[in-house]
Amino acid sequence: MIDNYVNNISRKLVDRFPTELPPYGITRYGIKFIVSNILPIMLLLLVGLMFNIYNNVLISILSFSALRLSSGGYHSKYPEICLIYSSILILTIATFGNLFEGIEWIFSIAALILVTIFAPSNIENQTKILSKYFIYLKYIAILTVLVGALIRDPIISCSMFAQSLLLIRLKGGDRNE
């Protein structure tokens, strides 16, 4: 659904403004980035404003995304499903994460263990980084979780724990080394 929308709007824009816009592929990439990343983040922040949890939503997005960048994780076949699940996850953590204040260290330790074992996960077709450098992604992911643990915020700990759960491959696959 998102791909069809992006394809149609990109084609119409490039056809209508052929000299003003870059070629179709570049235009499509930019529009897909906006639709898949910028709009959902803006909507999440708007919901956060409406329900007076803006700061928690922002913290959850940033900490989840920071770990996701270096650790990888599960990718749905359909971007729509990924957007829905991620949005629900972030809003849930932003709403209920503070209930875990005082025990956030448990989530941080669990996230650290999972990241140490499984990161990076499922990034082979998602990045141009050569596989020989994946070990550095693991180190960055571990450092990210450690910094999050030092901050001692339940929203950060829960967000990183949730992201670390997405590193576990449920259908088997190659062993992480």
N, C-alpha and C. Protein backbone atom coordinates (compact mmCIF):
# COMPACT_ATOMS: atom_id res chain seq x y z
N MET A 1 0.81 -1.18 0.00
CA MET A 1 0.00 0.00 0.00
C MET A 1 0.87 1.26 0.00
N ILE A 2 1.83 1.32 0.91
CA ILE A 2 2.72 2.48 0.95
C ILE A 2 3.54 2.56 -0.33
N ASP A 3 4.06 1.41 -0.78
CA ASP A 3 4.86 1.41 -2.01
C ASP A 3 4.05 1.88 -3.21
N ASN A 4 2.81 1.41 -3.32
CA ASN A 4 1.96 1.85 -4.43
C ASN A 4 1.71 3.35 -4.38
N TYR A 5 1.42 3.85 -3.19
CA TYR A 5 1.18 5.29 -3.02
C TYR A 5 2.43 6.08 -3.40
N VAL A 6 3.57 5.65 -2.90
CA VAL A 6 4.83 6.35 -3.19
C VAL A 6 5.15 6.29 -4.68
N ASN A 7 4.96 5.12 -5.30
CA ASN A 7 5.21 4.99 -6.74
C ASN A 7 4.32 5.94 -7.54
N ASN A 8 3.03 5.98 -7.20
CA ASN A 8 2.09 6.82 -7.94
C ASN A 8 2.42 8.30 -7.79
N ILE A 9 2.63 8.73 -6.56
CA ILE A 9 2.90 10.16 -6.35
C ILE A 9 4.24 10.56 -6.96
N SER A 10 5.23 9.68 -6.89
CA SER A 10 6.54 9.98 -7.49
C SER A 10 6.42 10.10 -8.99
N ARG A 11 5.71 9.17 -9.61
CA ARG A 11 5.54 9.19 -11.06
C ARG A 11 4.81 10.46 -11.49
N LYS A 12 3.74 10.81 -10.78
CA LYS A 12 2.97 12.01 -11.13
C LYS A 12 3.81 13.28 -10.97
N LEU A 13 4.57 13.36 -9.90
CA LEU A 13 5.41 14.54 -9.69
C LEU A 13 6.50 14.67 -10.75
N VAL A 14 7.17 13.57 -11.06
CA VAL A 14 8.25 13.61 -12.05
C VAL A 14 7.68 13.91 -13.44
N ASP A 15 6.51 13.36 -13.76
CA ASP A 15 5.88 13.65 -15.05
C ASP A 15 5.45 15.11 -15.14
N ARG A 16 4.97 15.65 -14.05
CA ARG A 16 4.47 17.03 -14.05
C ARG A 16 5.61 18.05 -13.99
N PHE A 17 6.69 17.72 -13.28
CA PHE A 17 7.82 18.65 -13.11
C PHE A 17 9.13 17.98 -13.54
N PRO A 18 9.26 17.62 -14.81
CA PRO A 18 10.44 16.84 -15.24
C PRO A 18 11.77 17.60 -15.12
N THR A 19 11.75 18.91 -15.26
CA THR A 19 13.01 19.66 -15.19
C THR A 19 13.34 20.11 -13.77
N GLU A 20 12.31 20.24 -12.93
CA GLU A 20 12.51 20.72 -11.57
C GLU A 20 12.92 19.62 -10.59
N LEU A 21 12.50 18.40 -10.86
CA LEU A 21 12.76 17.28 -9.94
C LEU A 21 13.84 16.36 -10.45
N PRO A 22 14.50 15.66 -9.55
CA PRO A 22 15.48 14.65 -9.98
C PRO A 22 14.75 13.48 -10.64
N PRO A 23 15.49 12.52 -11.17
CA PRO A 23 14.85 11.36 -11.81
C PRO A 23 13.92 10.62 -10.85
N TYR A 24 13.08 9.78 -11.44
CA TYR A 24 12.05 9.05 -10.70
C TYR A 24 12.60 8.31 -9.48
N GLY A 25 13.69 7.58 -9.63
CA GLY A 25 14.24 6.78 -8.53
C GLY A 25 14.62 7.62 -7.33
N ILE A 26 15.23 8.76 -7.58
CA ILE A 26 15.65 9.64 -6.49
C ILE A 26 14.44 10.29 -5.83
N THR A 27 13.49 10.72 -6.65
CA THR A 27 12.26 11.32 -6.12
C THR A 27 11.50 10.30 -5.29
N ARG A 28 11.40 9.07 -5.80
CA ARG A 28 10.70 8.01 -5.08
C ARG A 28 11.37 7.74 -3.73
N TYR A 29 12.69 7.69 -3.71
CA TYR A 29 13.42 7.44 -2.47
C TYR A 29 13.11 8.53 -1.44
N GLY A 30 13.14 9.78 -1.87
CA GLY A 30 12.87 10.88 -0.95
C GLY A 30 11.45 10.85 -0.41
N ILE A 31 10.50 10.58 -1.28
CA ILE A 31 9.10 10.53 -0.84
C ILE A 31 8.87 9.33 0.08
N LYS A 32 9.50 8.20 -0.24
CA LYS A 32 9.33 7.03 0.62
C LYS A 32 9.93 7.29 2.00
N PHE A 33 11.05 7.99 2.05
CA PHE A 33 11.66 8.34 3.34
C PHE A 33 10.70 9.21 4.16
N ILE A 34 10.10 10.19 3.51
CA ILE A 34 9.17 11.08 4.20
C ILE A 34 7.96 10.30 4.70
N VAL A 35 7.37 9.48 3.84
CA VAL A 35 6.15 8.74 4.20
C VAL A 35 6.44 7.68 5.25
N SER A 36 7.58 7.02 5.16
CA SER A 36 7.89 5.91 6.07
C SER A 36 8.53 6.35 7.38
N ASN A 37 9.13 7.52 7.41
CA ASN A 37 9.85 7.95 8.61
C ASN A 37 9.34 9.26 9.21
N ILE A 38 9.34 10.29 8.43
CA ILE A 38 9.00 11.62 8.95
C ILE A 38 7.53 11.70 9.38
N LEU A 39 6.61 11.27 8.52
CA LEU A 39 5.19 11.35 8.87
C LEU A 39 4.83 10.54 10.11
N PRO A 40 5.26 9.28 10.22
CA PRO A 40 4.92 8.53 11.45
C PRO A 40 5.50 9.18 12.71
N ILE A 41 6.71 9.70 12.63
CA ILE A 41 7.30 10.36 13.80
C ILE A 41 6.49 11.60 14.16
N MET A 42 6.11 12.38 13.16
CA MET A 42 5.31 13.57 13.43
C MET A 42 3.95 13.20 14.03
N LEU A 43 3.34 12.14 13.52
CA LEU A 43 2.05 11.70 14.06
C LEU A 43 2.20 11.21 15.50
N LEU A 44 3.26 10.46 15.77
CA LEU A 44 3.50 9.99 17.14
C LEU A 44 3.69 11.18 18.09
N LEU A 45 4.45 12.16 17.65
CA LEU A 45 4.67 13.34 18.50
C LEU A 45 3.38 14.12 18.70
N LEU A 46 2.55 14.18 17.66
CA LEU A 46 1.25 14.85 17.78
C LEU A 46 0.35 14.12 18.78
N VAL A 47 0.33 12.79 18.71
CA VAL A 47 -0.44 12.01 19.68
C VAL A 47 0.12 12.25 21.08
N GLY A 48 1.44 12.31 21.18
CA GLY A 48 2.07 12.60 22.47
C GLY A 48 1.63 13.94 23.03
N LEU A 49 1.54 14.94 22.16
CA LEU A 49 1.05 16.26 22.60
C LEU A 49 -0.40 16.18 23.06
N MET A 50 -1.22 15.46 22.30
CA MET A 50 -2.65 15.36 22.62
C MET A 50 -2.88 14.68 23.97
N PHE A 51 -2.06 13.70 24.30
CA PHE A 51 -2.25 12.94 25.53
C PHE A 51 -1.26 13.34 26.64
N ASN A 52 -0.56 14.44 26.42
CA ASN A 52 0.37 14.98 27.41
C ASN A 52 1.49 14.00 27.77
N ILE A 53 1.95 13.25 26.76
CA ILE A 53 3.09 12.35 26.95
C ILE A 53 4.16 12.63 25.89
N TYR A 54 4.21 13.87 25.44
CA TYR A 54 5.12 14.25 24.36
C TYR A 54 6.57 13.89 24.68
N ASN A 55 7.04 14.27 25.86
CA ASN A 55 8.44 13.99 26.22
C ASN A 55 8.72 12.49 26.22
N ASN A 56 7.80 11.70 26.76
CA ASN A 56 7.99 10.25 26.78
C ASN A 56 8.01 9.67 25.37
N VAL A 57 7.14 10.17 24.50
CA VAL A 57 7.13 9.69 23.11
C VAL A 57 8.45 10.03 22.44
N LEU A 58 8.91 11.25 22.62
CA LEU A 58 10.17 11.67 22.01
C LEU A 58 11.34 10.83 22.53
N ILE A 59 11.41 10.62 23.83
CA ILE A 59 12.48 9.81 24.42
C ILE A 59 12.41 8.37 23.90
N SER A 60 11.21 7.83 23.80
CA SER A 60 11.04 6.46 23.31
C SER A 60 11.47 6.33 21.86
N ILE A 61 11.06 7.28 21.03
CA ILE A 61 11.46 7.26 19.61
C ILE A 61 12.98 7.33 19.49
N LEU A 62 13.59 8.27 20.20
CA LEU A 62 15.04 8.47 20.08
C LEU A 62 15.83 7.27 20.58
N SER A 63 15.45 6.72 21.73
CA SER A 63 16.22 5.60 22.28
C SER A 63 16.00 4.33 21.47
N PHE A 64 14.77 4.07 21.04
CA PHE A 64 14.47 2.91 20.21
C PHE A 64 15.25 3.01 18.89
N SER A 65 15.19 4.18 18.26
CA SER A 65 15.85 4.38 16.97
C SER A 65 17.36 4.34 17.07
N ALA A 66 17.91 4.91 18.13
CA ALA A 66 19.36 4.92 18.30
C ALA A 66 19.91 3.50 18.35
N LEU A 67 19.23 2.64 19.09
CA LEU A 67 19.68 1.25 19.16
C LEU A 67 19.40 0.52 17.85
N ARG A 68 18.28 0.81 17.23
CA ARG A 68 17.89 0.15 15.98
C ARG A 68 18.92 0.40 14.88
N LEU A 69 19.47 1.60 14.84
CA LEU A 69 20.43 1.94 13.78
C LEU A 69 21.65 1.02 13.78
N SER A 70 22.14 0.67 14.94
CA SER A 70 23.35 -0.15 14.99
C SER A 70 23.08 -1.63 15.18
N SER A 71 21.91 -1.98 15.69
CA SER A 71 21.67 -3.39 16.00
C SER A 71 20.82 -4.12 14.98
N GLY A 72 20.07 -3.39 14.16
CA GLY A 72 19.18 -4.06 13.21
C GLY A 72 17.97 -4.61 13.92
N GLY A 73 17.46 -5.73 13.40
CA GLY A 73 16.31 -6.35 14.02
C GLY A 73 15.31 -6.83 12.99
N TYR A 74 14.18 -7.29 13.49
CA TYR A 74 13.14 -7.85 12.64
C TYR A 74 12.63 -6.81 11.64
N HIS A 75 12.44 -7.24 10.39
CA HIS A 75 11.85 -6.40 9.35
C HIS A 75 10.63 -7.12 8.80
N SER A 76 9.50 -6.47 8.85
CA SER A 76 8.28 -7.03 8.28
C SER A 76 8.36 -6.98 6.76
N LYS A 77 7.65 -7.90 6.11
CA LYS A 77 7.59 -7.88 4.66
C LYS A 77 6.84 -6.65 4.16
N TYR A 78 5.95 -6.14 4.98
CA TYR A 78 5.10 -5.02 4.59
C TYR A 78 5.40 -3.81 5.48
N PRO A 79 5.79 -2.68 4.88
CA PRO A 79 6.13 -1.51 5.68
C PRO A 79 4.96 -1.01 6.53
N GLU A 80 3.73 -1.23 6.06
CA GLU A 80 2.56 -0.78 6.82
C GLU A 80 2.51 -1.47 8.18
N ILE A 81 2.79 -2.77 8.20
CA ILE A 81 2.77 -3.53 9.45
C ILE A 81 3.86 -3.03 10.38
N CYS A 82 5.03 -2.77 9.82
CA CYS A 82 6.14 -2.26 10.63
C CYS A 82 5.78 -0.92 11.27
N LEU A 83 5.18 -0.04 10.49
CA LEU A 83 4.78 1.27 11.02
C LEU A 83 3.74 1.14 12.12
N ILE A 84 2.77 0.27 11.92
CA ILE A 84 1.72 0.09 12.92
C ILE A 84 2.30 -0.49 14.21
N TYR A 85 3.07 -1.57 14.09
CA TYR A 85 3.65 -2.20 15.28
C TYR A 85 4.59 -1.25 16.02
N SER A 86 5.45 -0.58 15.27
CA SER A 86 6.40 0.34 15.90
C SER A 86 5.67 1.48 16.61
N SER A 87 4.64 2.00 15.98
CA SER A 87 3.88 3.10 16.59
C SER A 87 3.18 2.65 17.86
N ILE A 88 2.56 1.48 17.81
CA ILE A 88 1.89 0.95 19.00
C ILE A 88 2.91 0.70 20.11
N LEU A 89 4.04 0.13 19.75
CA LEU A 89 5.09 -0.15 20.73
C LEU A 89 5.59 1.13 21.39
N ILE A 90 5.88 2.13 20.60
CA ILE A 90 6.40 3.39 21.14
C ILE A 90 5.36 4.09 22.01
N LEU A 91 4.11 4.11 21.56
CA LEU A 91 3.06 4.74 22.38
C LEU A 91 2.82 3.98 23.68
N THR A 92 2.89 2.66 23.62
CA THR A 92 2.71 1.86 24.83
C THR A 92 3.83 2.13 25.83
N ILE A 93 5.06 2.16 25.34
CA ILE A 93 6.20 2.44 26.23
C ILE A 93 6.10 3.86 26.79
N ALA A 94 5.73 4.82 25.94
CA ALA A 94 5.61 6.20 26.40
C ALA A 94 4.52 6.35 27.45
N THR A 95 3.46 5.56 27.33
CA THR A 95 2.34 5.65 28.27
C THR A 95 2.61 4.92 29.58
N PHE A 96 3.18 3.72 29.49
CA PHE A 96 3.30 2.86 30.67
C PHE A 96 4.73 2.65 31.16
N GLY A 97 5.71 3.15 30.45
CA GLY A 97 7.11 2.91 30.81
C GLY A 97 7.50 3.40 32.19
N ASN A 98 6.91 4.49 32.63
CA ASN A 98 7.26 5.03 33.95
C ASN A 98 6.82 4.12 35.09
N LEU A 99 5.94 3.16 34.81
CA LEU A 99 5.53 2.21 35.85
C LEU A 99 6.71 1.34 36.30
N PHE A 100 7.74 1.29 35.48
CA PHE A 100 8.90 0.45 35.78
C PHE A 100 10.03 1.24 36.43
N GLU A 101 9.74 2.45 36.88
CA GLU A 101 10.76 3.25 37.55
C GLU A 101 11.24 2.51 38.80
N GLY A 102 12.54 2.46 38.96
CA GLY A 102 13.13 1.75 40.09
C GLY A 102 13.63 0.37 39.70
N ILE A 103 13.07 -0.19 38.64
CA ILE A 103 13.55 -1.51 38.18
C ILE A 103 14.01 -1.44 36.72
N GLU A 104 14.28 -0.22 36.25
CA GLU A 104 14.72 -0.07 34.86
C GLU A 104 16.03 -0.80 34.62
N TRP A 105 16.82 -1.00 35.65
CA TRP A 105 18.09 -1.70 35.50
C TRP A 105 17.89 -3.14 35.03
N ILE A 106 16.76 -3.75 35.38
CA ILE A 106 16.47 -5.12 34.91
C ILE A 106 16.31 -5.12 33.39
N PHE A 107 15.58 -4.14 32.87
CA PHE A 107 15.40 -4.04 31.43
C PHE A 107 16.72 -3.72 30.73
N SER A 108 17.53 -2.90 31.35
CA SER A 108 18.83 -2.55 30.77
C SER A 108 19.75 -3.77 30.71
N ILE A 109 19.77 -4.56 31.77
CA ILE A 109 20.61 -5.77 31.78
C ILE A 109 20.11 -6.76 30.74
N ALA A 110 18.80 -6.94 30.67
CA ALA A 110 18.23 -7.86 29.68
C ALA A 110 18.56 -7.39 28.27
N ALA A 111 18.43 -6.08 28.02
CA ALA A 111 18.75 -5.53 26.70
C ALA A 111 20.23 -5.73 26.38
N LEU A 112 21.08 -5.51 27.37
CA LEU A 112 22.52 -5.69 27.16
C LEU A 112 22.85 -7.13 26.81
N ILE A 113 22.24 -8.07 27.49
CA ILE A 113 22.47 -9.50 27.19
C ILE A 113 22.01 -9.82 25.78
N LEU A 114 20.79 -9.39 25.43
CA LEU A 114 20.25 -9.68 24.10
C LEU A 114 21.09 -9.04 22.99
N VAL A 115 21.50 -7.80 23.20
CA VAL A 115 22.32 -7.11 22.19
C VAL A 115 23.67 -7.80 22.06
N THR A 116 24.26 -8.21 23.17
CA THR A 116 25.56 -8.88 23.13
C THR A 116 25.46 -10.20 22.37
N ILE A 117 24.37 -10.92 22.54
CA ILE A 117 24.20 -12.21 21.88
C ILE A 117 23.78 -12.06 20.42
N PHE A 118 22.82 -11.20 20.14
CA PHE A 118 22.16 -11.22 18.83
C PHE A 118 22.52 -10.08 17.87
N ALA A 119 23.06 -8.98 18.35
CA ALA A 119 23.32 -7.84 17.45
C ALA A 119 24.60 -8.07 16.65
N PRO A 120 24.67 -7.57 15.47
CA PRO A 120 23.57 -7.06 14.67
C PRO A 120 22.76 -8.21 14.09
N SER A 121 21.49 -7.96 13.88
CA SER A 121 20.59 -9.00 13.42
C SER A 121 19.80 -8.53 12.20
N ASN A 122 19.76 -9.37 11.20
CA ASN A 122 18.90 -9.17 10.04
C ASN A 122 19.19 -7.85 9.32
N ILE A 123 20.46 -7.51 9.18
CA ILE A 123 20.80 -6.26 8.50
C ILE A 123 21.49 -6.50 7.16
N GLU A 124 21.69 -7.75 6.81
CA GLU A 124 22.45 -8.08 5.61
C GLU A 124 21.91 -7.36 4.38
N ASN A 125 20.59 -7.33 4.21
CA ASN A 125 20.00 -6.71 3.03
C ASN A 125 19.47 -5.30 3.32
N GLN A 126 19.80 -4.77 4.48
CA GLN A 126 19.28 -3.47 4.89
C GLN A 126 20.36 -2.39 4.92
N THR A 127 21.61 -2.77 4.70
CA THR A 127 22.70 -1.81 4.81
C THR A 127 23.75 -2.07 3.73
N LYS A 128 24.52 -1.07 3.47
CA LYS A 128 25.64 -1.22 2.54
C LYS A 128 26.95 -1.48 3.28
N ILE A 129 26.87 -1.57 4.60
CA ILE A 129 28.06 -1.85 5.41
C ILE A 129 28.50 -3.28 5.15
N LEU A 130 29.79 -3.46 4.91
CA LEU A 130 30.33 -4.80 4.66
C LEU A 130 30.23 -5.65 5.93
N SER A 131 29.99 -6.95 5.75
CA SER A 131 29.79 -7.84 6.89
C SER A 131 31.02 -7.91 7.80
N LYS A 132 32.21 -7.66 7.27
CA LYS A 132 33.40 -7.70 8.12
C LYS A 132 33.39 -6.58 9.17
N TYR A 133 32.55 -5.57 8.97
CA TYR A 133 32.45 -4.47 9.94
C TYR A 133 31.26 -4.61 10.88
N PHE A 134 30.50 -5.70 10.77
CA PHE A 134 29.33 -5.89 11.63
C PHE A 134 29.71 -5.95 13.11
N ILE A 135 30.90 -6.42 13.42
CA ILE A 135 31.33 -6.49 14.81
C ILE A 135 31.36 -5.09 15.44
N TYR A 136 31.69 -4.09 14.63
CA TYR A 136 31.69 -2.71 15.15
C TYR A 136 30.27 -2.22 15.42
N LEU A 137 29.32 -2.70 14.63
CA LEU A 137 27.92 -2.37 14.91
C LEU A 137 27.50 -2.97 16.25
N LYS A 138 27.98 -4.18 16.52
CA LYS A 138 27.69 -4.80 17.82
C LYS A 138 28.25 -3.95 18.96
N TYR A 139 29.50 -3.50 18.80
CA TYR A 139 30.11 -2.66 19.84
C TYR A 139 29.34 -1.36 20.04
N ILE A 140 28.91 -0.75 18.95
CA ILE A 140 28.12 0.49 19.04
C ILE A 140 26.79 0.22 19.74
N ALA A 141 26.16 -0.91 19.41
CA ALA A 141 24.88 -1.26 20.04
C ALA A 141 25.07 -1.49 21.54
N ILE A 142 26.13 -2.19 21.91
CA ILE A 142 26.41 -2.43 23.33
C ILE A 142 26.66 -1.10 24.05
N LEU A 143 27.44 -0.23 23.43
CA LEU A 143 27.71 1.08 24.02
C LEU A 143 26.42 1.90 24.16
N THR A 144 25.55 1.80 23.17
CA THR A 144 24.27 2.52 23.22
C THR A 144 23.44 2.06 24.41
N VAL A 145 23.37 0.75 24.62
CA VAL A 145 22.60 0.22 25.76
C VAL A 145 23.25 0.63 27.08
N LEU A 146 24.58 0.59 27.14
CA LEU A 146 25.27 1.00 28.37
C LEU A 146 25.01 2.47 28.71
N VAL A 147 25.06 3.32 27.71
CA VAL A 147 24.77 4.74 27.94
C VAL A 147 23.33 4.90 28.40
N GLY A 148 22.41 4.18 27.75
CA GLY A 148 21.01 4.22 28.18
C GLY A 148 20.84 3.76 29.61
N ALA A 149 21.59 2.73 30.00
CA ALA A 149 21.50 2.22 31.38
C ALA A 149 22.03 3.25 32.38
N LEU A 150 23.08 3.96 32.00
CA LEU A 150 23.64 4.97 32.90
C LEU A 150 22.68 6.13 33.12
N ILE A 151 21.85 6.41 32.15
CA ILE A 151 20.87 7.50 32.29
C ILE A 151 19.79 7.13 33.30
N ARG A 152 19.53 5.83 33.44
CA ARG A 152 18.57 5.31 34.43
C ARG A 152 17.17 5.90 34.26
N ASP A 153 16.68 5.84 33.04
CA ASP A 153 15.33 6.31 32.74
C ASP A 153 14.50 5.11 32.29
N PRO A 154 13.33 4.88 32.89
CA PRO A 154 12.54 3.70 32.54
C PRO A 154 12.06 3.70 31.08
N ILE A 155 11.80 4.87 30.52
CA ILE A 155 11.37 4.94 29.12
C ILE A 155 12.51 4.49 28.20
N ILE A 156 13.71 4.97 28.46
CA ILE A 156 14.87 4.56 27.66
C ILE A 156 15.12 3.07 27.82
N SER A 157 15.11 2.58 29.04
CA SER A 157 15.37 1.16 29.29
C SER A 157 14.33 0.27 28.62
N CYS A 158 13.07 0.63 28.74
CA CYS A 158 12.00 -0.17 28.11
C CYS A 158 12.09 -0.12 26.59
N SER A 159 12.41 1.05 26.04
CA SER A 159 12.54 1.19 24.58
C SER A 159 13.68 0.34 24.05
N MET A 160 14.80 0.38 24.74
CA MET A 160 15.95 -0.42 24.30
C MET A 160 15.71 -1.91 24.49
N PHE A 161 15.01 -2.26 25.56
CA PHE A 161 14.67 -3.67 25.76
C PHE A 161 13.74 -4.15 24.64
N ALA A 162 12.73 -3.35 24.31
CA ALA A 162 11.80 -3.72 23.23
C ALA A 162 12.55 -3.89 21.92
N GLN A 163 13.46 -2.97 21.61
CA GLN A 163 14.24 -3.09 20.38
C GLN A 163 15.14 -4.32 20.43
N SER A 164 15.72 -4.62 21.57
CA SER A 164 16.61 -5.78 21.67
C SER A 164 15.84 -7.08 21.48
N LEU A 165 14.57 -7.11 21.85
CA LEU A 165 13.75 -8.30 21.60
C LEU A 165 13.58 -8.55 20.10
N LEU A 166 13.57 -7.48 19.32
CA LEU A 166 13.41 -7.61 17.87
C LEU A 166 14.67 -8.17 17.19
N LEU A 167 15.74 -8.34 17.94
CA LEU A 167 16.97 -8.91 17.38
C LEU A 167 16.89 -10.43 17.28
N ILE A 168 16.01 -11.03 18.05
CA ILE A 168 15.91 -12.49 18.10
C ILE A 168 15.22 -12.98 16.83
N ARG A 169 15.89 -13.86 16.11
CA ARG A 169 15.30 -14.43 14.90
C ARG A 169 14.41 -15.60 15.29
N LEU A 170 13.14 -15.47 14.97
CA LEU A 170 12.17 -16.50 15.38
C LEU A 170 12.12 -17.68 14.43
N LYS A 171 12.53 -17.49 13.19
CA LYS A 171 12.42 -18.55 12.21
C LYS A 171 13.76 -19.22 11.92
N GLY A 172 14.69 -19.10 12.82
CA GLY A 172 15.99 -19.72 12.59
C GLY A 172 16.88 -18.80 11.79
N GLY A 173 17.78 -19.37 11.03
CA GLY A 173 18.70 -18.56 10.23
C GLY A 173 20.12 -18.79 10.69
N ASP A 174 20.98 -17.93 10.26
CA ASP A 174 22.40 -18.06 10.59
C ASP A 174 22.63 -17.73 12.06
N ARG A 175 23.58 -18.44 12.65
CA ARG A 175 23.97 -18.13 14.03
C ARG A 175 24.76 -16.83 14.04
N ASN A 176 24.51 -16.05 15.06
CA ASN A 176 25.32 -14.85 15.26
C ASN A 176 26.62 -15.25 15.92
N GLU A 177 27.70 -14.63 15.51
CA GLU A 177 29.00 -14.95 16.08
C GLU A 177 29.56 -13.79 16.84
